[in-house]
Amino acid sequence: MFLTAAIVSFTGVIGFVGLVAPHIARLMVGGDHRFLIPYSAIFGGILLLVSDTIGRTLLAPVNIPVGIVVSYLGVPLFIHLIIQNRREYF
């Protein structure tokens, strides 16, 4: 998790999509890389489009940065993955 935090702090929160999208795509498609890689790219683009739309329309006169909306979606996913992996190892 430290490596993830270091990468996100260096590249920015929108780079967090590159970490979140493959995990969500793997949950939807499975682990076969023939399908996982294209679906990760497609899902990352869709995730940014939806997050930007939510950020622009949720509080109409005020724009919420897309990184904040992506973080609200990605952080619970990573917490779920940590809890799930902890159960498998212990």
PDB file of N, CA and C in Angstrom:
ATOM      1  N   MET A   1       0.811  -1.184   0.000  1.00  0.00           N
ATOM      2  CA  MET A   1       0.000   0.000   0.000  1.00  0.00           C
ATOM      3  C   MET A   1       0.861   1.257   0.000  1.00  0.00           C
ATOM      4  N   PHE A   2       2.052   1.182   0.570  1.00  0.00           N
ATOM      5  CA  PHE A   2       2.923   2.356   0.579  1.00  0.00           C
ATOM      6  C   PHE A   2       3.317   2.740  -0.834  1.00  0.00           C
ATOM      7  N   LEU A   3       3.567   1.745  -1.676  1.00  0.00           N
ATOM      8  CA  LEU A   3       3.932   2.020  -3.061  1.00  0.00           C
ATOM      9  C   LEU A   3       2.785   2.725  -3.788  1.00  0.00           C
ATOM     10  N   THR A   4       1.564   2.291  -3.553  1.00  0.00           N
ATOM     11  CA  THR A   4       0.401   2.934  -4.159  1.00  0.00           C
ATOM     12  C   THR A   4       0.279   4.377  -3.709  1.00  0.00           C
ATOM     13  N   ALA A   5       0.461   4.622  -2.420  1.00  0.00           N
ATOM     14  CA  ALA A   5       0.374   5.988  -1.897  1.00  0.00           C
ATOM     15  C   ALA A   5       1.464   6.870  -2.484  1.00  0.00           C
ATOM     16  N   ALA A   6       2.665   6.335  -2.640  1.00  0.00           N
ATOM     17  CA  ALA A   6       3.763   7.115  -3.203  1.00  0.00           C
ATOM     18  C   ALA A   6       3.496   7.463  -4.667  1.00  0.00           C
ATOM     19  N   ILE A   7       2.978   6.513  -5.425  1.00  0.00           N
ATOM     20  CA  ILE A   7       2.697   6.764  -6.840  1.00  0.00           C
ATOM     21  C   ILE A   7       1.593   7.803  -6.997  1.00  0.00           C
ATOM     22  N   VAL A   8       0.524   7.675  -6.209  1.00  0.00           N
ATOM     23  CA  VAL A   8      -0.586   8.625  -6.307  1.00  0.00           C
ATOM     24  C   VAL A   8      -0.148  10.012  -5.876  1.00  0.00           C
ATOM     25  N   SER A   9       0.673  10.112  -4.838  1.00  0.00           N
ATOM     26  CA  SER A   9       1.118  11.432  -4.388  1.00  0.00           C
ATOM     27  C   SER A   9       2.055  12.087  -5.402  1.00  0.00           C
ATOM     28  N   PHE A  10       2.769  11.291  -6.178  1.00  0.00           N
ATOM     29  CA  PHE A  10       3.690  11.841  -7.166  1.00  0.00           C
ATOM     30  C   PHE A  10       2.971  12.214  -8.462  1.00  0.00           C
ATOM     31  N   THR A  11       2.082  11.349  -8.944  1.00  0.00           N
ATOM     32  CA  THR A  11       1.457  11.565 -10.247  1.00  0.00           C
ATOM     33  C   THR A  11       0.149  12.325 -10.178  1.00  0.00           C
ATOM     34  N   GLY A  12      -0.477  12.356  -9.037  1.00  0.00           N
ATOM     35  CA  GLY A  12      -1.754  13.046  -8.899  1.00  0.00           C
ATOM     36  C   GLY A  12      -2.890  12.066  -8.749  1.00  0.00           C
ATOM     37  N   VAL A  13      -4.022  12.597  -8.396  1.00  0.00           N
ATOM     38  CA  VAL A  13      -5.155  11.741  -8.083  1.00  0.00           C
ATOM     39  C   VAL A  13      -5.787  11.150  -9.336  1.00  0.00           C
ATOM     40  N   ILE A  14      -5.695  11.834 -10.459  1.00  0.00           N
ATOM     41  CA  ILE A  14      -6.274  11.272 -11.678  1.00  0.00           C
ATOM     42  C   ILE A  14      -5.499  10.023 -12.092  1.00  0.00           C
ATOM     43  N   GLY A  15      -4.230   9.950 -11.764  1.00  0.00           N
ATOM     44  CA  GLY A  15      -3.473   8.728 -11.996  1.00  0.00           C
ATOM     45  C   GLY A  15      -3.985   7.559 -11.182  1.00  0.00           C
ATOM     46  N   PHE A  16      -4.788   7.866 -10.165  1.00  0.00           N
ATOM     47  CA  PHE A  16      -5.411   6.837  -9.342  1.00  0.00           C
ATOM     48  C   PHE A  16      -6.350   5.973 -10.175  1.00  0.00           C
ATOM     49  N   VAL A  17      -6.845   6.511 -11.283  1.00  0.00           N
ATOM     50  CA  VAL A  17      -7.712   5.747 -12.180  1.00  0.00           C
ATOM     51  C   VAL A  17      -6.958   4.554 -12.738  1.00  0.00           C
ATOM     52  N   GLY A  18      -5.675   4.732 -13.020  1.00  0.00           N
ATOM     53  CA  GLY A  18      -4.863   3.636 -13.524  1.00  0.00           C
ATOM     54  C   GLY A  18      -4.687   2.515 -12.528  1.00  0.00           C
ATOM     55  N   LEU A  19      -4.913   2.798 -11.265  1.00  0.00           N
ATOM     56  CA  LEU A  19      -4.850   1.757 -10.243  1.00  0.00           C
ATOM     57  C   LEU A  19      -6.221   1.151  -9.972  1.00  0.00           C
ATOM     58  N   VAL A  20      -7.260   1.952 -10.074  1.00  0.00           N
ATOM     59  CA  VAL A  20      -8.606   1.497  -9.737  1.00  0.00           C
ATOM     60  C   VAL A  20      -9.247   0.731 -10.892  1.00  0.00           C
ATOM     61  N   ALA A  21      -9.123   1.233 -12.101  1.00  0.00           N
ATOM     62  CA  ALA A  21      -9.828   0.656 -13.249  1.00  0.00           C
ATOM     63  C   ALA A  21      -9.481  -0.814 -13.494  1.00  0.00           C
ATOM     64  N   PRO A  22      -8.224  -1.235 -13.450  1.00  0.00           N
ATOM     65  CA  PRO A  22      -7.956  -2.661 -13.671  1.00  0.00           C
ATOM     66  C   PRO A  22      -8.553  -3.570 -12.604  1.00  0.00           C
ATOM     67  N   HIS A  23      -8.602  -3.095 -11.363  1.00  0.00           N
ATOM     68  CA  HIS A  23      -9.177  -3.927 -10.304  1.00  0.00           C
ATOM     69  C   HIS A  23     -10.684  -4.080 -10.480  1.00  0.00           C
ATOM     70  N   ILE A  24     -11.354  -3.000 -10.840  1.00  0.00           N
ATOM     71  CA  ILE A  24     -12.793  -3.086 -11.069  1.00  0.00           C
ATOM     72  C   ILE A  24     -13.078  -3.929 -12.310  1.00  0.00           C
ATOM     73  N   ALA A  25     -12.274  -3.771 -13.352  1.00  0.00           N
ATOM     74  CA  ALA A  25     -12.463  -4.574 -14.560  1.00  0.00           C
ATOM     75  C   ALA A  25     -12.211  -6.050 -14.279  1.00  0.00           C
ATOM     76  N   ARG A  26     -11.240  -6.349 -13.430  1.00  0.00           N
ATOM     77  CA  ARG A  26     -10.968  -7.749 -13.084  1.00  0.00           C
ATOM     78  C   ARG A  26     -12.135  -8.360 -12.326  1.00  0.00           C
ATOM     79  N   LEU A  27     -12.782  -7.573 -11.470  1.00  0.00           N
ATOM     80  CA  LEU A  27     -13.958  -8.072 -10.764  1.00  0.00           C
ATOM     81  C   LEU A  27     -15.117  -8.326 -11.725  1.00  0.00           C
ATOM     82  N   MET A  28     -15.201  -7.550 -12.804  1.00  0.00           N
ATOM     83  CA  MET A  28     -16.303  -7.690 -13.751  1.00  0.00           C
ATOM     84  C   MET A  28     -16.027  -8.742 -14.823  1.00  0.00           C
ATOM     85  N   VAL A  29     -14.796  -8.780 -15.351  1.00  0.00           N
ATOM     86  CA  VAL A  29     -14.477  -9.617 -16.505  1.00  0.00           C
ATOM     87  C   VAL A  29     -13.827 -10.931 -16.096  1.00  0.00           C
ATOM     88  N   GLY A  30     -12.981 -10.892 -15.082  1.00  0.00           N
ATOM     89  CA  GLY A  30     -12.225 -12.068 -14.684  1.00  0.00           C
ATOM     90  C   GLY A  30     -10.742 -11.822 -14.894  1.00  0.00           C
ATOM     91  N   GLY A  31      -9.955 -12.846 -14.713  1.00  0.00           N
ATOM     92  CA  GLY A  31      -8.513 -12.691 -14.754  1.00  0.00           C
ATOM     93  C   GLY A  31      -7.860 -12.951 -16.098  1.00  0.00           C
ATOM     94  N   ASP A  32      -8.633 -13.249 -17.134  1.00  0.00           N
ATOM     95  CA  ASP A  32      -8.065 -13.528 -18.451  1.00  0.00           C
ATOM     96  C   ASP A  32      -7.558 -12.230 -19.069  1.00  0.00           C
ATOM     97  N   HIS A  33      -6.253 -12.152 -19.306  1.00  0.00           N
ATOM     98  CA  HIS A  33      -5.634 -10.905 -19.765  1.00  0.00           C
ATOM     99  C   HIS A  33      -6.040 -10.518 -21.185  1.00  0.00           C
ATOM    100  N   ARG A  34      -6.516 -11.461 -21.978  1.00  0.00           N
ATOM    101  CA  ARG A  34      -6.989 -11.105 -23.321  1.00  0.00           C
ATOM    102  C   ARG A  34      -8.164 -10.146 -23.253  1.00  0.00           C
ATOM    103  N   PHE A  35      -8.981 -10.301 -22.230  1.00  0.00           N
ATOM    104  CA  PHE A  35     -10.141  -9.430 -22.060  1.00  0.00           C
ATOM    105  C   PHE A  35      -9.887  -8.335 -21.040  1.00  0.00           C
ATOM    106  N   LEU A  36      -9.033  -8.618 -20.072  1.00  0.00           N
ATOM    107  CA  LEU A  36      -8.828  -7.684 -18.966  1.00  0.00           C
ATOM    108  C   LEU A  36      -8.158  -6.386 -19.413  1.00  0.00           C
ATOM    109  N   ILE A  37      -7.151  -6.469 -20.256  1.00  0.00           N
ATOM    110  CA  ILE A  37      -6.412  -5.269 -20.664  1.00  0.00           C
ATOM    111  C   ILE A  37      -7.289  -4.309 -21.476  1.00  0.00           C
ATOM    112  N   PRO A  38      -8.013  -4.774 -22.510  1.00  0.00           N
ATOM    113  CA  PRO A  38      -8.879  -3.817 -23.216  1.00  0.00           C
ATOM    114  C   PRO A  38     -10.016  -3.273 -22.347  1.00  0.00           C
ATOM    115  N   TYR A  39     -10.608  -4.136 -21.528  1.00  0.00           N
ATOM    116  CA  TYR A  39     -11.694  -3.668 -20.669  1.00  0.00           C
ATOM    117  C   TYR A  39     -11.194  -2.693 -19.614  1.00  0.00           C
ATOM    118  N   SER A  40      -9.961  -2.852 -19.155  1.00  0.00           N
ATOM    119  CA  SER A  40      -9.402  -1.898 -18.192  1.00  0.00           C
ATOM    120  C   SER A  40      -9.272  -0.518 -18.815  1.00  0.00           C
ATOM    121  N   ALA A  41      -8.811  -0.469 -20.053  1.00  0.00           N
ATOM    122  CA  ALA A  41      -8.680   0.824 -20.735  1.00  0.00           C
ATOM    123  C   ALA A  41     -10.043   1.462 -20.976  1.00  0.00           C
ATOM    124  N   ILE A  42     -10.996   0.660 -21.426  1.00  0.00           N
ATOM    125  CA  ILE A  42     -12.339   1.186 -21.676  1.00  0.00           C
ATOM    126  C   ILE A  42     -12.986   1.636 -20.375  1.00  0.00           C
ATOM    127  N   PHE A  43     -12.858   0.822 -19.336  1.00  0.00           N
ATOM    128  CA  PHE A  43     -13.485   1.172 -18.067  1.00  0.00           C
ATOM    129  C   PHE A  43     -12.825   2.394 -17.439  1.00  0.00           C
ATOM    130  N   GLY A  44     -11.518   2.558 -17.610  1.00  0.00           N
ATOM    131  CA  GLY A  44     -10.846   3.752 -17.095  1.00  0.00           C
ATOM    132  C   GLY A  44     -11.368   5.019 -17.745  1.00  0.00           C
ATOM    133  N   GLY A  45     -11.579   4.974 -19.057  1.00  0.00           N
ATOM    134  CA  GLY A  45     -12.143   6.131 -19.747  1.00  0.00           C
ATOM    135  C   GLY A  45     -13.566   6.422 -19.323  1.00  0.00           C
ATOM    136  N   ILE A  46     -14.362   5.368 -19.195  1.00  0.00           N
ATOM    137  CA  ILE A  46     -15.749   5.551 -18.750  1.00  0.00           C
ATOM    138  C   ILE A  46     -15.785   6.083 -17.326  1.00  0.00           C
ATOM    139  N   LEU A  47     -14.892   5.580 -16.474  1.00  0.00           N
ATOM    140  CA  LEU A  47     -14.843   6.041 -15.085  1.00  0.00           C
ATOM    141  C   LEU A  47     -14.522   7.529 -15.009  1.00  0.00           C
ATOM    142  N   LEU A  48     -13.573   7.988 -15.827  1.00  0.00           N
ATOM    143  CA  LEU A  48     -13.256   9.416 -15.829  1.00  0.00           C
ATOM    144  C   LEU A  48     -14.394  10.260 -16.390  1.00  0.00           C
ATOM    145  N   LEU A  49     -15.048   9.785 -17.441  1.00  0.00           N
ATOM    146  CA  LEU A  49     -16.186  10.527 -17.993  1.00  0.00           C
ATOM    147  C   LEU A  49     -17.323  10.651 -16.986  1.00  0.00           C
ATOM    148  N   VAL A  50     -17.661   9.546 -16.334  1.00  0.00           N
ATOM    149  CA  VAL A  50     -18.745   9.571 -15.353  1.00  0.00           C
ATOM    150  C   VAL A  50     -18.359  10.428 -14.154  1.00  0.00           C
ATOM    151  N   SER A  51     -17.112  10.312 -13.702  1.00  0.00           N
ATOM    152  CA  SER A  51     -16.663  11.107 -12.557  1.00  0.00           C
ATOM    153  C   SER A  51     -16.663  12.595 -12.880  1.00  0.00           C
ATOM    154  N   ASP A  52     -16.250  12.952 -14.087  1.00  0.00           N
ATOM    155  CA  ASP A  52     -16.264  14.359 -14.481  1.00  0.00           C
ATOM    156  C   ASP A  52     -17.689  14.892 -14.582  1.00  0.00           C
ATOM    157  N   THR A  53     -18.581  14.081 -15.130  1.00  0.00           N
ATOM    158  CA  THR A  53     -19.979  14.498 -15.228  1.00  0.00           C
ATOM    159  C   THR A  53     -20.599  14.680 -13.848  1.00  0.00           C
ATOM    160  N   ILE A  54     -20.328  13.752 -12.941  1.00  0.00           N
ATOM    161  CA  ILE A  54     -20.833  13.879 -11.570  1.00  0.00           C
ATOM    162  C   ILE A  54     -20.245  15.118 -10.905  1.00  0.00           C
ATOM    163  N   GLY A  55     -18.967  15.345 -11.089  1.00  0.00           N
ATOM    164  CA  GLY A  55     -18.317  16.500 -10.479  1.00  0.00           C
ATOM    165  C   GLY A  55     -18.835  17.830 -10.987  1.00  0.00           C
ATOM    166  N   ARG A  56     -19.257  17.869 -12.249  1.00  0.00           N
ATOM    167  CA  ARG A  56     -19.762  19.126 -12.814  1.00  0.00           C
ATOM    168  C   ARG A  56     -21.239  19.368 -12.495  1.00  0.00           C
ATOM    169  N   THR A  57     -22.004  18.299 -12.277  1.00  0.00           N
ATOM    170  CA  THR A  57     -23.447  18.472 -12.111  1.00  0.00           C
ATOM    171  C   THR A  57     -23.945  18.292 -10.684  1.00  0.00           C
ATOM    172  N   LEU A  58     -23.161  17.730  -9.796  1.00  0.00           N
ATOM    173  CA  LEU A  58     -23.642  17.456  -8.440  1.00  0.00           C
ATOM    174  C   LEU A  58     -23.966  18.741  -7.690  1.00  0.00           C
ATOM    175  N   LEU A  59     -23.041  19.657  -7.669  1.00  0.00           N
ATOM    176  CA  LEU A  59     -23.261  20.986  -7.087  1.00  0.00           C
ATOM    177  C   LEU A  59     -23.101  21.982  -8.233  1.00  0.00           C
ATOM    178  N   ALA A  60     -24.190  22.248  -8.935  1.00  0.00           N
ATOM    179  CA  ALA A  60     -24.182  22.895 -10.248  1.00  0.00           C
ATOM    180  C   ALA A  60     -23.287  24.120 -10.401  1.00  0.00           C
ATOM    181  N   PRO A  61     -23.329  25.129  -9.583  1.00  0.00           N
ATOM    182  CA  PRO A  61     -22.436  26.256  -9.874  1.00  0.00           C
ATOM    183  C   PRO A  61     -20.982  25.985  -9.498  1.00  0.00           C
ATOM    184  N   VAL A  62     -20.736  24.987  -8.685  1.00  0.00           N
ATOM    185  CA  VAL A  62     -19.379  24.690  -8.223  1.00  0.00           C
ATOM    186  C   VAL A  62     -18.918  23.396  -8.882  1.00  0.00           C
ATOM    187  N   ASN A  63     -17.697  23.396  -9.397  1.00  0.00           N
ATOM    188  CA  ASN A  63     -17.125  22.185  -9.970  1.00  0.00           C
ATOM    189  C   ASN A  63     -16.342  21.431  -8.909  1.00  0.00           C
ATOM    190  N   ILE A  64     -16.651  20.154  -8.751  1.00  0.00           N
ATOM    191  CA  ILE A  64     -15.877  19.283  -7.872  1.00  0.00           C
ATOM    192  C   ILE A  64     -14.778  18.668  -8.734  1.00  0.00           C
ATOM    193  N   PRO A  65     -13.523  18.703  -8.302  1.00  0.00           N
ATOM    194  CA  PRO A  65     -12.454  18.102  -9.107  1.00  0.00           C
ATOM    195  C   PRO A  65     -12.701  16.610  -9.346  1.00  0.00           C
ATOM    196  N   VAL A  66     -12.344  16.168 -10.535  1.00  0.00           N
ATOM    197  CA  VAL A  66     -12.587  14.781 -10.917  1.00  0.00           C
ATOM    198  C   VAL A  66     -11.821  13.816 -10.013  1.00  0.00           C
ATOM    199  N   GLY A  67     -10.691  14.237  -9.502  1.00  0.00           N
ATOM    200  CA  GLY A  67      -9.914  13.375  -8.618  1.00  0.00           C
ATOM    201  C   GLY A  67     -10.627  13.060  -7.327  1.00  0.00           C
ATOM    202  N   ILE A  68     -11.404  14.000  -6.818  1.00  0.00           N
ATOM    203  CA  ILE A  68     -12.148  13.758  -5.579  1.00  0.00           C
ATOM    204  C   ILE A  68     -13.245  12.725  -5.814  1.00  0.00           C
ATOM    205  N   VAL A  69     -13.936  12.836  -6.940  1.00  0.00           N
ATOM    206  CA  VAL A  69     -14.997  11.876  -7.244  1.00  0.00           C
ATOM    207  C   VAL A  69     -14.406  10.487  -7.466  1.00  0.00           C
ATOM    208  N   VAL A  70     -13.283  10.397  -8.169  1.00  0.00           N
ATOM    209  CA  VAL A  70     -12.629   9.109  -8.393  1.00  0.00           C
ATOM    210  C   VAL A  70     -12.154   8.520  -7.070  1.00  0.00           C
ATOM    211  N   SER A  71     -11.674   9.357  -6.174  1.00  0.00           N
ATOM    212  CA  SER A  71     -11.226   8.864  -4.872  1.00  0.00           C
ATOM    213  C   SER A  71     -12.381   8.301  -4.063  1.00  0.00           C
ATOM    214  N   TYR A  72     -13.539   8.947  -4.141  1.00  0.00           N
ATOM    215  CA  TYR A  72     -14.708   8.416  -3.434  1.00  0.00           C
ATOM    216  C   TYR A  72     -15.102   7.045  -3.960  1.00  0.00           C
ATOM    217  N   LEU A  73     -14.837   6.770  -5.224  1.00  0.00           N
ATOM    218  CA  LEU A  73     -15.131   5.458  -5.779  1.00  0.00           C
ATOM    219  C   LEU A  73     -14.009   4.460  -5.524  1.00  0.00           C
ATOM    220  N   GLY A  74     -12.767   4.918  -5.567  1.00  0.00           N
ATOM    221  CA  GLY A  74     -11.630   4.008  -5.498  1.00  0.00           C
ATOM    222  C   GLY A  74     -11.209   3.589  -4.113  1.00  0.00           C
ATOM    223  N   VAL A  75     -11.312   4.473  -3.146  1.00  0.00           N
ATOM    224  CA  VAL A  75     -10.863   4.151  -1.787  1.00  0.00           C
ATOM    225  C   VAL A  75     -11.680   3.018  -1.180  1.00  0.00           C
ATOM    226  N   PRO A  76     -13.015   3.015  -1.276  1.00  0.00           N
ATOM    227  CA  PRO A  76     -13.746   1.859  -0.732  1.00  0.00           C
ATOM    228  C   PRO A  76     -13.386   0.550  -1.430  1.00  0.00           C
ATOM    229  N   LEU A  77     -13.089   0.621  -2.728  1.00  0.00           N
ATOM    230  CA  LEU A  77     -12.685  -0.588  -3.440  1.00  0.00           C
ATOM    231  C   LEU A  77     -11.376  -1.129  -2.888  1.00  0.00           C
ATOM    232  N   PHE A  78     -10.393  -0.265  -2.676  1.00  0.00           N
ATOM    233  CA  PHE A  78      -9.122  -0.731  -2.145  1.00  0.00           C
ATOM    234  C   PHE A  78      -9.253  -1.229  -0.711  1.00  0.00           C
ATOM    235  N   ILE A  79     -10.102  -0.615   0.079  1.00  0.00           N
ATOM    236  CA  ILE A  79     -10.336  -1.127   1.434  1.00  0.00           C
ATOM    237  C   ILE A  79     -10.960  -2.515   1.362  1.00  0.00           C
ATOM    238  N   HIS A  80     -11.891  -2.703   0.443  1.00  0.00           N
ATOM    239  CA  HIS A  80     -12.493  -4.028   0.256  1.00  0.00           C
ATOM    240  C   HIS A  80     -11.440  -5.057  -0.159  1.00  0.00           C
ATOM    241  N   LEU A  81     -10.553  -4.684  -1.076  1.00  0.00           N
ATOM    242  CA  LEU A  81      -9.513  -5.611  -1.521  1.00  0.00           C
ATOM    243  C   LEU A  81      -8.543  -5.950  -0.397  1.00  0.00           C
ATOM    244  N   ILE A  82      -8.212  -4.980   0.445  1.00  0.00           N
ATOM    245  CA  ILE A  82      -7.313  -5.240   1.572  1.00  0.00           C
ATOM    246  C   ILE A  82      -7.963  -6.205   2.550  1.00  0.00           C
ATOM    247  N   ILE A  83      -9.226  -5.972   2.873  1.00  0.00           N
ATOM    248  CA  ILE A  83      -9.922  -6.858   3.811  1.00  0.00           C
ATOM    249  C   ILE A  83     -10.063  -8.251   3.223  1.00  0.00           C
ATOM    250  N   GLN A  84     -10.365  -8.340   1.949  1.00  0.00           N
ATOM    251  CA  GLN A  84     -10.523  -9.636   1.297  1.00  0.00           C
ATOM    252  C   GLN A  84      -9.202 -10.401   1.271  1.00  0.00           C
ATOM    253  N   ASN A  85      -8.101  -9.731   0.944  1.00  0.00           N
ATOM    254  CA  ASN A  85      -6.800 -10.399   0.910  1.00  0.00           C
ATOM    255  C   ASN A  85      -6.329 -10.776   2.301  1.00  0.00           C
ATOM    256  N   ARG A  86      -6.664  -9.995   3.305  1.00  0.00           N
ATOM    257  CA  ARG A  86      -6.277 -10.321   4.675  1.00  0.00           C
ATOM    258  C   ARG A  86      -6.962 -11.608   5.115  1.00  0.00           C
ATOM    259  N   ARG A  87      -8.210 -11.811   4.738  1.00  0.00           N
ATOM    260  CA  ARG A  87      -8.927 -13.035   5.098  1.00  0.00           C
ATOM    261  C   ARG A  87      -8.311 -14.253   4.427  1.00  0.00           C
ATOM    262  N   GLU A  88      -7.796 -14.095   3.217  1.00  0.00           N
ATOM    263  CA  GLU A  88      -7.208 -15.229   2.512  1.00  0.00           C
ATOM    264  C   GLU A  88      -5.877 -15.653   3.119  1.00  0.00           C
ATOM    265  N   TYR A  89      -5.110 -14.708   3.667  1.00  0.00           N
ATOM    266  CA  TYR A  89      -3.799 -15.035   4.190  1.00  0.00           C
ATOM    267  C   TYR A  89      -3.828 -15.443   5.652  1.00  0.00           C
ATOM    268  N   PHE A  90      -4.794 -14.953   6.421  1.00  0.00           N
ATOM    269  CA  PHE A  90      -4.815 -15.254   7.852  1.00  0.00           C
ATOM    270  C   PHE A  90      -5.968 -16.144   8.205  1.00  0.00           C
TER     271      PHE A  90
END
